[in-house]
């Protein structure tokens, strides 16, 4: 296949040969950018932000990614809304598109993965890969060590418990945990009054 068809397949979810030399040549400069970002000292905040803006497809206001972090394409296919925070060791397998809404929080060692392979070994030996988009709605909190698999959408304001493996879509306004991740319960208004079970919220964030 020609170059245009190859990269169209990468973006559109069709099967393609992931070991193709043209892909590797295109990808390496983006990996270099990730390497350079991770080498910047924490105190170089403005430089780090400017670098992310040059790496990501979209980056809203007030975003921050702790180092180290990794991304297959350096954020080329990643769209972050405003005030997205990611703790240490975020891994973005961004061979396909990743969409993260406003005010999303991600704990340490979170993986958002768009790339996958066929089940049949013959196809894997042929280095066949395909990519499915990941979508994380606004206000979501993804607990540390969680993995979000290709094609998954997480609804807004939901909480994904630490260590979860999210294999299918999660609706909005729920707490979901486990491997595979399942809905535990809905988020209620009572939780506005208690920051943890039995621990009452004793200050107003809007007045702080």
Protein backbone atom coordinates (compact mmCIF):
# COMPACT_ATOMS: atom_id res chain seq x y z
CA UNK A 1 0.00 0.00 0.00
CA UNK A 2 1.15 3.56 -0.60
CA UNK A 3 2.05 5.96 2.21
CA UNK A 4 -1.27 7.81 2.17
CA UNK A 5 -3.30 4.61 2.53
CA UNK A 6 -0.98 3.32 5.26
CA UNK A 7 -1.37 6.37 7.47
CA UNK A 8 -5.10 6.58 6.75
CA UNK A 9 -5.43 3.04 8.11
CA UNK A 10 -3.49 4.01 11.24
CA UNK A 11 -5.97 6.81 11.92
CA UNK A 12 -9.18 5.04 10.86
CA UNK A 13 -8.94 1.72 12.72
CA UNK A 14 -8.07 -0.54 9.79
CA UNK A 15 -5.46 -3.31 10.00
CA UNK A 16 -1.94 -2.35 8.96
CA UNK A 17 1.66 -3.62 9.27
CA UNK A 18 2.99 -1.91 12.42
CA UNK A 19 6.60 -2.79 11.57
CA UNK A 20 6.51 -0.88 8.29
CA UNK A 21 9.74 1.08 7.88
CA UNK A 22 7.85 4.24 6.93
CA UNK A 23 6.02 4.20 10.28
CA UNK A 24 9.22 3.77 12.26
CA UNK A 25 10.90 6.63 10.41
CA UNK A 26 7.91 8.90 11.07
CA UNK A 27 7.62 7.93 14.73
CA UNK A 28 11.19 8.38 15.94
CA UNK A 29 11.23 12.23 16.01
CA UNK A 30 8.13 12.18 18.23
CA UNK A 31 9.80 9.75 20.63
CA UNK A 32 12.77 12.11 20.76
CA UNK A 33 10.43 14.87 21.94
CA UNK A 34 9.16 12.69 24.79
CA UNK A 35 12.75 11.94 25.76
CA UNK A 36 13.59 15.66 25.80
CA UNK A 37 10.48 16.54 27.84
CA UNK A 38 11.36 13.97 30.50
CA UNK A 39 14.84 15.46 30.88
CA UNK A 40 13.57 18.94 31.77
CA UNK A 41 13.86 19.83 35.49
CA UNK A 42 10.55 20.24 37.35
CA UNK A 43 11.28 23.94 37.92
CA UNK A 44 11.18 24.63 34.14
CA UNK A 45 7.40 24.92 34.13
CA UNK A 46 6.97 27.33 31.22
CA UNK A 47 9.40 25.40 29.04
CA UNK A 48 7.65 22.12 29.81
CA UNK A 49 4.24 23.57 28.97
CA UNK A 50 5.49 25.05 25.70
CA UNK A 51 6.99 21.72 24.78
CA UNK A 52 3.72 19.86 25.44
CA UNK A 53 1.83 22.36 23.29
CA UNK A 54 4.17 21.54 20.43
CA UNK A 55 3.79 17.80 20.97
CA UNK A 56 0.05 17.27 21.53
CA UNK A 57 -2.69 17.53 18.92
CA UNK A 58 -4.59 19.71 21.42
CA UNK A 59 -3.69 20.93 24.89
CA UNK A 60 -6.03 23.12 26.92
CA UNK A 61 -5.21 25.62 29.65
CA UNK A 62 -3.80 24.57 33.02
CA UNK A 63 -2.65 21.08 32.05
CA UNK A 64 0.27 19.35 33.73
CA UNK A 65 1.96 15.98 33.23
CA UNK A 66 4.43 14.78 35.82
CA UNK A 67 7.62 13.16 34.57
CA UNK A 68 8.45 10.60 33.54
CA UNK A 69 5.71 9.99 31.02
CA UNK A 70 5.67 8.10 27.75
CA UNK A 71 3.72 8.31 24.51
CA UNK A 72 4.06 6.17 21.41
CA UNK A 73 3.72 9.19 19.14
CA UNK A 74 4.67 11.92 21.62
CA UNK A 75 1.08 13.10 21.94
CA UNK A 76 0.60 13.58 18.21
CA UNK A 77 -2.88 12.05 18.39
CA UNK A 78 -3.75 13.20 21.94
CA UNK A 79 -6.41 15.82 22.68
CA UNK A 80 -6.45 17.21 26.24
CA UNK A 81 -9.06 19.65 27.49
CA UNK A 82 -8.47 22.24 30.22
CA UNK A 83 -6.94 21.53 33.64
CA UNK A 84 -5.97 17.91 32.94
CA UNK A 85 -3.54 16.53 35.51
CA UNK A 86 -1.56 13.30 35.14
CA UNK A 87 0.62 11.90 37.91
CA UNK A 88 3.91 10.04 37.44
CA UNK A 89 4.39 7.42 34.71
CA UNK A 90 1.42 8.23 32.50
CA UNK A 91 1.60 6.01 29.41
CA UNK A 92 -0.25 7.13 26.27
CA UNK A 93 -0.29 4.45 23.61
CA UNK A 94 -1.41 7.06 21.10
CA UNK A 95 -1.16 5.20 17.83
CA UNK A 96 -4.83 6.18 17.57
CA UNK A 97 -6.74 9.17 18.88
CA UNK A 98 -7.06 9.84 22.62
CA UNK A 99 -9.59 12.42 23.84
CA UNK A 100 -9.48 13.62 27.46
CA UNK A 101 -12.02 16.18 28.69
CA UNK A 102 -11.71 19.12 31.08
CA UNK A 103 -10.77 18.60 34.74
CA UNK A 104 -9.67 14.99 34.36
CA UNK A 105 -7.29 13.59 36.99
CA UNK A 106 -5.10 10.53 36.43
CA UNK A 107 -3.18 8.80 39.21
CA UNK A 108 0.33 7.36 38.86
CA UNK A 109 0.99 4.55 36.37
CA UNK A 110 -2.18 5.04 34.32
CA UNK A 111 -2.23 3.63 30.77
CA UNK A 112 -4.52 4.88 28.00
CA UNK A 113 -4.10 2.41 25.16
CA UNK A 114 -5.45 2.70 21.60
CA UNK A 115 -3.31 0.07 19.86
CA UNK A 116 -4.12 -3.62 19.72
CA UNK A 117 -3.56 -6.74 17.62
CA UNK A 118 -5.62 -9.63 16.20
CA UNK A 119 -6.09 -12.76 18.30
CA UNK A 120 -4.85 -15.18 15.63
CA UNK A 121 -1.10 -15.78 15.93
CA UNK A 122 -0.54 -15.84 12.17
CA UNK A 123 -1.77 -12.27 11.90
CA UNK A 124 0.39 -11.18 14.83
CA UNK A 125 3.44 -12.82 13.23
CA UNK A 126 2.71 -10.63 10.23
CA UNK A 127 2.83 -7.61 12.62
CA UNK A 128 -0.81 -6.67 12.02
CA UNK A 129 -2.07 -3.89 14.28
CA UNK A 130 -5.18 -1.74 14.46
CA UNK A 131 -6.11 1.23 16.63
CA UNK A 132 -9.35 2.22 18.35
CA UNK A 133 -9.90 5.63 19.99
CA UNK A 134 -10.08 6.16 23.76
CA UNK A 135 -12.40 8.84 25.16
CA UNK A 136 -12.35 10.09 28.76
CA UNK A 137 -15.18 12.46 29.67
CA UNK A 138 -14.79 15.69 31.61
CA UNK A 139 -14.39 15.46 35.38
CA UNK A 140 -13.24 11.82 35.38
CA UNK A 141 -10.78 10.56 37.99
CA UNK A 142 -8.76 7.50 36.94
CA UNK A 143 -7.10 5.85 39.92
CA UNK A 144 -3.44 4.82 39.97
CA UNK A 145 -2.37 1.75 38.05
CA UNK A 146 -5.50 1.62 35.89
CA UNK A 147 -5.46 0.53 32.26
CA UNK A 148 -8.00 1.82 29.73
CA UNK A 149 -8.13 -0.46 26.69
CA UNK A 150 -8.69 0.41 23.00
CA UNK A 151 -12.13 1.62 21.99
CA UNK A 152 -13.30 2.47 25.53
CA UNK A 153 -15.30 5.55 26.47
CA UNK A 154 -15.57 6.69 30.12
CA UNK A 155 -18.54 8.94 30.86
CA UNK A 156 -18.14 12.33 32.53
CA UNK A 157 -17.57 12.72 36.28
CA UNK A 158 -17.05 8.99 36.83
CA UNK A 159 -14.38 7.49 39.10
CA UNK A 160 -12.28 4.52 38.03
CA UNK A 161 -10.86 2.71 41.07
CA UNK A 162 -7.13 2.13 41.38
CA UNK A 163 -5.80 -0.90 39.56
CA UNK A 164 -8.82 -1.29 37.28
CA UNK A 165 -8.66 -2.74 33.78
CA UNK A 166 -11.31 -0.92 31.76
CA UNK A 167 -12.33 -3.27 28.95
CA UNK A 168 -15.68 -1.73 27.99
CA UNK A 169 -17.52 1.61 28.15
CA UNK A 170 -18.31 3.08 31.57
CA UNK A 171 -21.33 5.39 31.96
CA UNK A 172 -21.27 8.88 33.45
CA UNK A 173 -21.53 9.67 37.19
CA UNK A 174 -20.56 6.27 38.58
CA UNK A 175 -17.81 4.63 40.61
CA UNK A 176 -16.40 1.64 38.72
CA UNK A 177 -13.67 -0.73 39.87
CA UNK A 178 -12.02 -4.04 39.17
CA UNK A 179 -10.56 -6.23 36.46
CA UNK A 180 -12.53 -6.20 34.31
CA UNK A 181 -13.85 -2.85 35.50
CA UNK A 182 -17.52 -2.91 36.54
CA UNK A 183 -19.88 -0.25 37.86
CA UNK A 184 -20.02 -0.38 41.66
CA UNK A 185 -22.54 2.40 42.29
CA UNK A 186 -23.71 5.84 41.22
CA UNK A 187 -22.10 9.00 42.60
CA UNK A 188 -24.61 10.67 44.94
CA UNK A 189 -25.10 14.20 46.25
CA UNK A 190 -24.23 12.94 49.74
CA UNK A 191 -20.64 12.61 48.57
CA UNK A 192 -20.47 16.37 48.23
CA UNK A 193 -20.79 16.49 52.04
CA UNK A 194 -18.22 13.76 52.85
CA UNK A 195 -14.74 13.67 51.29
CA UNK A 196 -14.40 10.09 52.54
CA UNK A 197 -16.83 7.74 54.25
CA UNK A 198 -17.53 9.13 57.72
CA UNK A 199 -15.28 12.17 57.16
CA UNK A 200 -17.34 15.32 56.75
CA UNK A 201 -16.26 18.07 54.38
CA UNK A 202 -15.34 20.94 56.71
CA UNK A 203 -14.40 23.71 54.31
CA UNK A 204 -15.82 25.31 51.16
CA UNK A 205 -13.38 25.06 48.23
CA UNK A 206 -14.91 28.17 46.68
CA UNK A 207 -13.92 30.19 49.75
CA UNK A 208 -10.40 28.80 50.09
